[in-house]
Protein backbone atom coordinates (compact mmCIF):
# COMPACT_ATOMS: atom_id res chain seq x y z
CA MET A 1 0.00 0.00 0.00
CA LYS A 2 2.83 2.38 0.87
CA LEU A 3 4.60 1.60 -2.42
CA ARG A 4 1.40 2.36 -4.39
CA CYS A 5 0.99 5.74 -2.67
CA VAL A 6 4.59 6.67 -3.42
CA CYS A 7 4.18 5.77 -7.09
CA LEU A 8 0.94 7.81 -7.38
CA LEU A 9 2.59 10.80 -5.74
CA ALA A 10 5.52 10.55 -8.13
CA LEU A 11 3.09 10.41 -11.08
CA VAL A 12 1.26 13.56 -9.92
CA VAL A 13 4.57 15.41 -9.57
CA PHE A 14 5.59 14.27 -13.03
CA VAL A 15 2.36 15.47 -14.67
CA ASN A 16 2.46 18.88 -12.92
CA ALA A 17 6.08 19.38 -13.93
CA ALA A 18 5.32 18.45 -17.52
CA VAL A 19 2.46 20.96 -17.68
CA GLY A 20 4.72 23.64 -16.23
CA ALA A 21 7.36 22.83 -18.79
CA LEU A 22 4.88 23.19 -21.65
CA ARG A 23 3.64 26.57 -20.31
CA LEU A 24 7.19 27.80 -20.09
CA ALA A 25 7.91 26.57 -23.58
CA ALA A 26 4.98 28.59 -24.97
CA LYS A 27 6.73 31.84 -23.92
CA GLN A 28 10.03 30.99 -25.73
CA PRO A 29 11.08 30.62 -29.39
CA SER A 30 10.13 27.25 -30.89
CA SER A 31 13.57 25.54 -30.82
CA ASP A 32 14.47 26.83 -27.33
CA ALA A 33 10.99 25.98 -26.08
CA LEU A 34 11.21 22.37 -27.23
CA ALA A 35 14.66 21.94 -25.69
CA THR A 36 13.50 23.39 -22.38
CA ALA A 37 10.44 21.18 -22.24
CA LEU A 38 12.38 18.02 -23.03
CA ASN A 39 15.05 18.80 -20.45
CA LEU A 40 12.51 19.36 -17.70
CA VAL A 41 10.56 16.22 -18.57
CA ASN A 42 13.80 14.19 -18.60
CA ASP A 43 14.82 15.56 -15.17
CA ILE A 44 11.44 14.71 -13.66
CA SER A 45 11.50 11.23 -15.23
CA THR A 46 14.91 10.56 -13.70
CA LYS A 47 13.67 11.63 -10.27
CA GLN A 48 10.61 9.40 -10.66
CA HIS A 49 12.80 6.34 -11.34
CA SER A 50 14.89 7.27 -8.32
CA VAL A 51 11.78 7.31 -6.11
CA LYS A 52 10.70 3.91 -7.42
CA GLY A 53 14.15 2.50 -6.79
CA THR A 54 14.11 3.80 -3.23
CA ALA A 55 10.65 2.36 -2.62
CA SER A 56 11.63 -1.08 -3.96
CA ALA A 57 14.86 -1.23 -1.95
CA PRO A 58 13.20 -2.60 1.21
CA ALA A 59 11.65 -5.39 -0.85
CA ASN A 60 15.05 -6.35 -2.29
CA ALA A 61 16.65 -6.19 1.15
CA SER A 62 13.87 -8.39 2.51
CA HIS A 63 14.48 -10.93 -0.26
CA GLN A 64 18.22 -11.04 0.49
CA GLN A 65 17.49 -11.45 4.17
CA GLN A 66 15.12 -14.32 3.39
CA ARG A 67 17.79 -16.10 1.37
CA ALA A 68 20.31 -15.63 4.17
CA LYS A 69 18.00 -17.54 6.52
CA LEU A 70 18.62 -20.73 4.54
CA ASP A 71 22.30 -20.90 5.53
CA VAL A 72 22.76 -23.90 7.81
CA GLY A 73 26.56 -24.14 7.66
CA PHE A 74 27.33 -25.54 4.20
CA ALA A 75 29.21 -22.43 3.06
CA ASP A 76 31.40 -22.28 6.18
CA PHE A 77 32.21 -25.98 5.90
CA ASN A 78 33.19 -25.61 2.25
CA THR A 79 35.46 -22.65 3.07
CA GLN A 80 37.20 -24.51 5.89
CA LEU A 81 37.62 -27.61 3.73
CA MET A 82 39.33 -25.62 0.98
CA VAL A 83 41.68 -24.04 3.53
CA THR A 84 42.57 -27.52 4.82
CA LEU A 85 43.14 -28.76 1.28
CA ASN A 86 45.47 -25.90 0.35
CA THR A 87 47.46 -26.33 3.58
CA GLU A 88 47.97 -30.06 3.00
CA LEU A 89 48.83 -29.51 -0.67
CA GLY A 90 51.53 -27.04 0.30
CA ASN A 91 53.02 -29.50 2.79
CA ALA A 92 53.13 -32.38 0.31
CA THR A 93 54.42 -30.69 -2.84
CA GLY A 94 57.55 -29.02 -1.55
CA GLY A 95 59.96 -31.45 -3.19
CA HIS A 96 62.25 -30.79 -6.15
CA ALA A 97 59.92 -32.68 -8.50
CA TRP A 98 57.36 -29.89 -8.24
CA THR A 99 57.63 -26.54 -9.99
CA ASN A 100 55.53 -23.53 -8.98
CA GLU A 101 53.46 -23.92 -12.13
CA MET A 102 52.77 -27.59 -11.35
CA ARG A 103 51.75 -26.76 -7.77
CA GLN A 104 49.34 -24.08 -8.96
CA GLN A 105 47.86 -26.40 -11.58
CA LEU A 106 47.42 -29.22 -9.08
CA ALA A 107 45.76 -26.92 -6.56
CA ALA A 108 43.37 -25.52 -9.19
CA ASN A 109 42.41 -28.94 -10.57
CA VAL A 110 41.92 -30.60 -7.19
CA THR A 111 39.94 -27.65 -5.81
CA GLU A 112 37.60 -27.64 -8.80
CA ARG A 113 36.98 -31.40 -8.67
CA LEU A 114 36.54 -31.47 -4.91
CA LYS A 115 34.03 -28.61 -4.96
CA ALA A 116 32.08 -30.30 -7.76
CA GLY A 117 32.09 -33.62 -5.93
CA ILE A 118 30.94 -32.15 -2.63
CA THR A 119 28.20 -30.16 -4.39
CA LYS A 120 26.90 -33.29 -6.12
CA VAL A 121 26.89 -35.39 -2.94
CA LEU A 122 25.15 -32.74 -0.84
CA ALA A 123 22.63 -31.60 -3.48
CA PRO A 124 19.81 -34.00 -2.41
CA ILE A 125 20.15 -32.90 1.22
CA LYS A 126 19.99 -29.22 0.32
CA ALA A 127 16.94 -29.89 -1.85
CA SER A 128 15.20 -31.74 0.99
CA ILE A 129 15.91 -28.91 3.42
CA GLY A 130 14.57 -26.40 0.92
CA LYS A 131 11.33 -28.35 0.46
CA THR A 132 10.79 -28.53 4.21
CA TRP A 133 11.55 -24.83 4.59
CA MET A 134 9.02 -23.94 1.90
CA ALA A 135 6.38 -26.24 3.43
CA LEU A 136 6.44 -24.46 6.79
CA PRO A 137 3.76 -21.73 6.76
CA GLN A 138 5.11 -19.32 9.39
CA ASP A 139 8.37 -17.34 9.37
CA ASP A 140 9.12 -18.24 12.97
CA GLN A 141 8.80 -21.93 12.04
CA LYS A 142 11.22 -21.47 9.15
CA ASN A 143 13.68 -19.71 11.44
CA GLU A 144 13.35 -22.45 14.05
CA LEU A 145 14.09 -25.12 11.44
CA VAL A 146 17.23 -23.32 10.29
CA THR A 147 18.40 -22.81 13.89
CA GLN A 148 17.90 -26.47 14.75
CA LEU A 149 19.65 -27.69 11.60
CA LYS A 150 22.57 -25.31 12.01
CA ASN A 151 23.10 -26.40 15.61
CA GLY A 152 22.67 -30.06 14.71
CA PHE A 153 25.16 -29.85 11.85
CA VAL A 154 27.96 -28.24 13.90
CA SER A 155 29.37 -31.48 15.30
CA VAL A 156 28.84 -33.33 12.00
CA PHE A 157 30.82 -30.73 10.05
CA ALA A 158 33.55 -30.54 12.70
CA ASN A 159 34.09 -34.31 12.79
CA SER A 160 33.96 -34.56 9.01
CA LEU A 161 36.62 -31.88 8.62
CA GLN A 162 38.96 -33.98 10.74
CA THR A 163 38.18 -37.06 8.66
CA PHE A 164 38.73 -35.16 5.41
CA ASP A 165 42.04 -33.91 6.75
CA SER A 166 43.28 -37.37 7.73
CA HIS A 167 42.29 -38.91 4.38
CA LEU A 168 43.82 -36.02 2.43
CA LYS A 169 47.06 -36.61 4.30
CA LEU A 170 47.01 -40.29 3.37
CA GLY A 171 46.43 -39.48 -0.30
CA LEU A 172 49.08 -36.77 -0.33
CA ASN A 173 51.57 -39.08 1.36
CA ARG A 174 51.19 -41.43 -1.60
CA VAL A 175 51.72 -38.45 -3.89
CA LYS A 176 54.90 -37.52 -2.04
CA ILE A 177 56.30 -41.05 -2.28
CA MET A 178 55.50 -41.19 -5.99
CA ALA A 179 57.18 -37.82 -6.62
CA GLU A 180 60.36 -38.90 -4.83
CA ARG A 181 60.60 -42.23 -6.63
CA LYS A 182 63.69 -42.39 -8.85
CA HIS A 183 63.52 -45.90 -10.31
CA PRO A 184 61.63 -45.54 -12.49
CA ALA A 185 61.31 -41.75 -12.41
CA ILE A 186 57.96 -40.21 -13.32
CA ASP A 187 57.53 -37.38 -15.80
CA SER A 188 55.88 -34.11 -14.84
CA ALA A 189 52.63 -34.64 -16.77
CA SER A 190 52.06 -38.10 -15.29
CA LEU A 191 52.96 -36.88 -11.81
CA LEU A 192 50.40 -34.09 -12.06
CA ALA A 193 47.60 -36.29 -13.43
CA LYS A 194 48.16 -39.20 -11.04
CA SER A 195 48.52 -36.92 -8.02
CA GLU A 196 45.21 -35.25 -8.81
CA ASP A 197 43.44 -38.63 -9.03
CA MET A 198 45.02 -39.92 -5.81
CA ILE A 199 43.94 -36.88 -3.82
CA ILE A 200 40.38 -36.87 -5.14
CA GLU A 201 39.93 -40.62 -4.69
CA SER A 202 41.08 -40.38 -1.09
CA VAL A 203 37.93 -38.41 -0.16
CA LEU A 204 35.37 -38.88 -2.95
CA ALA A 205 35.75 -42.53 -3.95
CA GLU A 206 34.23 -45.57 -2.25
CA HIS A 207 36.68 -48.20 -1.11
CA CYS A 208 35.54 -51.69 -2.06
CA TYR A 209 37.09 -54.99 -1.01
CA ASP A 210 36.75 -58.50 -2.34
CA ASP A 211 35.05 -60.74 0.19
CA SER A 212 34.78 -63.85 -1.97
CA ALA A 213 37.22 -65.83 0.19
CA GLY A 214 34.81 -65.73 3.12
CA ALA A 215 36.03 -66.02 6.69
CA LYS A 216 39.70 -66.64 7.42
CA GLY A 217 40.67 -70.31 7.10
CA LYS A 218 37.52 -71.26 5.22
CA ALA A 219 37.21 -72.07 1.56
CA PRO A 220 35.04 -69.73 -0.49
CA PRO A 221 31.49 -70.97 -1.04
CA LYS A 222 30.71 -72.62 -4.35
CA ALA A 223 28.90 -70.43 -6.83
CA ASN A 224 25.32 -71.34 -7.71
CA ALA A 225 22.32 -69.73 -9.27
CA THR A 226 21.75 -67.44 -6.28
CA THR A 227 25.33 -66.79 -5.13
CA PRO A 228 27.54 -64.43 -7.14
CA ASN A 229 31.04 -65.58 -8.07
CA HIS A 230 32.68 -62.50 -6.57
CA ALA A 231 31.24 -60.92 -3.45
CA LYS A 232 32.52 -57.57 -2.23
CA PHE A 233 31.71 -54.96 0.35
CA CYS A 234 32.23 -51.23 0.03
CA ILE A 235 32.94 -48.48 2.52
CA LYS A 236 31.39 -45.10 1.83
CA SER A 237 33.65 -42.29 0.75
CA VAL A 238 34.43 -39.53 3.23
CA ALA A 239 32.05 -37.25 1.35
CA GLY A 240 29.39 -39.96 1.19
CA ASN A 241 29.63 -40.56 4.93
CA LEU A 242 29.24 -36.82 5.54
CA ALA A 243 26.11 -36.78 3.39
CA HIS A 244 24.71 -39.80 5.24
CA ARG A 245 25.16 -38.20 8.66
CA LEU A 246 23.75 -34.85 7.52
CA ASN A 247 20.74 -36.58 6.00
CA ASP A 248 20.01 -38.46 9.23
CA THR A 249 20.14 -35.20 11.17
CA GLN A 250 18.02 -33.16 8.78
CA SER A 251 15.45 -35.94 8.36
CA LEU A 252 14.86 -36.03 12.10
CA PHE A 253 14.44 -32.27 12.49
CA SER A 254 12.49 -31.82 9.25
CA MET A 255 9.98 -34.54 10.04
CA SER A 256 9.47 -33.15 13.53
CA MET A 257 8.96 -29.59 12.28
CA ARG A 258 6.60 -30.66 9.48
CA PHE A 259 4.55 -32.75 11.89
CA GLU A 260 4.24 -29.94 14.43
CA ALA A 261 3.34 -27.41 11.73
CA GLY A 262 0.77 -29.71 10.13
CA ALA A 263 2.72 -29.56 6.86
CA MET A 264 2.95 -33.33 6.40
CA SER A 265 0.66 -35.15 4.02
CA LEU A 266 -1.51 -38.03 5.21
CA ALA A 267 0.84 -40.51 3.54
CA GLN A 268 3.85 -38.98 5.26
CA ARG A 269 2.09 -39.08 8.62
CA ALA A 270 1.19 -42.73 8.15
CA ALA A 271 4.77 -43.59 7.21
CA ALA A 272 6.07 -41.69 10.24
CA LYS A 273 3.95 -43.66 12.72
CA PRO A 274 5.92 -46.38 14.54
CA GLU A 275 4.96 -49.97 13.82
CA HIS A 276 3.45 -51.99 16.65
């Protein structure tokens, strides 16, 4: 309502100024009159746009503030992870096999791939949080959800940073050994490519192991129609484990908030009821 009044007032001022400009133009020679009228109209038009911009500023600020409410710690975690990565990279690539150009290229490539990998792994969780946030009808409920998630994620992010750090060190230790190997020596291009893969795999790749031999001291079971020839088990990647823990946390809080706010569908409520 306030914005509409401001716009109407600006329109009235514009019309009055235009009329005044035309009256003034009638008292001057034709060419000077036209120039004067156009200048005045242009000045008033500029002021009108300025008023509109000022009136719409609170709306834009409100929109930015609303977006800021959705921050539950992902940005801070990503920043801290990149700092950890750059620190460990600097510690592991100080040998004579590395030139400054190679170090910069390795850092750029690994940073890009790690960011892309983390974004992909965490995308479903962010989408789920966004859906819950949109489903809550009241602003105070939205704020409460964000507060609960941010507090709940603190320990998850902190522990995951330590795990990322330890796995990055393991991967970079392999890189360091490879760079110092002399027989056979490795060329610069291969060193750069293999180092990048080793670092990324240390935190983004699952680690799978062959379990076909069965328990220690026992012969592997014979294959049949229902038993695969090669059994294996896999351990989640560091990034995958982070996503799993975050999802458990957000699912608990989101379901609770939706239930309390009446934002769950009948099917969701039925699925949420414990079985007897």
